[in-house]
């Protein structure tokens, strides 16, 4: 549950300092475990492909 909360908080806010406060972390390295830059890249790529497809049709 904690990891899900942390991951969702990072996705929604993008604020690592808020995440650190909420979860009681003292290190950004620990808090960074809740970020997933690859997932964000995949979402952006899928969105661009969807826009291209819509514009093509």
Protein backbone atom coordinates (compact mmCIF):
# COMPACT_ATOMS: atom_id res chain seq x y z
CA UNK A 1 0.00 0.00 0.00
CA UNK A 2 2.83 2.40 0.84
CA UNK A 3 4.54 1.85 -2.51
CA UNK A 4 1.29 2.32 -4.41
CA UNK A 5 0.63 5.56 -2.51
CA UNK A 6 4.17 6.81 -3.16
CA UNK A 7 4.06 5.92 -6.85
CA UNK A 8 0.66 7.56 -7.34
CA UNK A 9 1.74 10.67 -5.46
CA UNK A 10 4.79 11.03 -7.70
CA UNK A 11 2.73 10.50 -10.85
CA UNK A 12 0.15 13.08 -9.81
CA UNK A 13 2.38 15.74 -8.29
CA UNK A 14 5.85 15.18 -9.75
CA UNK A 15 7.15 16.71 -6.52
CA UNK A 16 9.88 14.58 -4.98
CA UNK A 17 10.12 16.83 -1.92
CA UNK A 18 6.42 16.36 -1.20
CA UNK A 19 6.91 12.62 -1.54
CA UNK A 20 9.86 12.72 0.86
CA UNK A 21 7.77 14.60 3.44
CA UNK A 22 4.78 12.31 3.10
CA UNK A 23 6.79 9.09 3.38
CA UNK A 24 9.34 10.36 5.90
CA UNK A 25 12.37 9.95 3.67
CA UNK A 26 15.52 11.95 4.33
CA UNK A 27 17.22 11.11 1.04
CA UNK A 28 16.15 11.86 -2.51
CA UNK A 29 17.82 8.60 -3.52
CA UNK A 30 15.31 6.66 -1.43
CA UNK A 31 12.40 8.75 -2.68
CA UNK A 32 13.53 8.25 -6.28
CA UNK A 33 12.55 4.59 -5.98
CA UNK A 34 8.96 5.78 -6.45
CA UNK A 35 9.67 7.44 -9.78
CA UNK A 36 9.59 5.55 -13.03
CA UNK A 37 10.95 7.66 -15.88
CA UNK A 38 10.64 4.79 -18.37
CA UNK A 39 6.92 4.54 -17.71
CA UNK A 40 6.54 8.28 -18.29
CA UNK A 41 8.45 8.03 -21.58
CA UNK A 42 6.18 5.20 -22.70
CA UNK A 43 3.05 7.22 -21.87
CA UNK A 44 4.31 10.23 -23.84
CA UNK A 45 5.22 8.05 -26.84
CA UNK A 46 1.80 6.38 -26.83
CA UNK A 47 0.09 9.76 -26.66
CA UNK A 48 2.09 11.06 -29.63
CA UNK A 49 1.28 7.95 -31.66
CA UNK A 50 -2.39 8.38 -30.84
CA UNK A 51 -2.28 12.02 -31.96
CA UNK A 52 -0.58 11.07 -35.22
CA UNK A 53 -3.18 8.42 -35.89
CA UNK A 54 -6.02 10.84 -35.19
CA UNK A 55 -4.48 13.48 -37.45
CA UNK A 56 -3.88 10.92 -40.20
CA UNK A 57 -7.50 9.77 -40.23
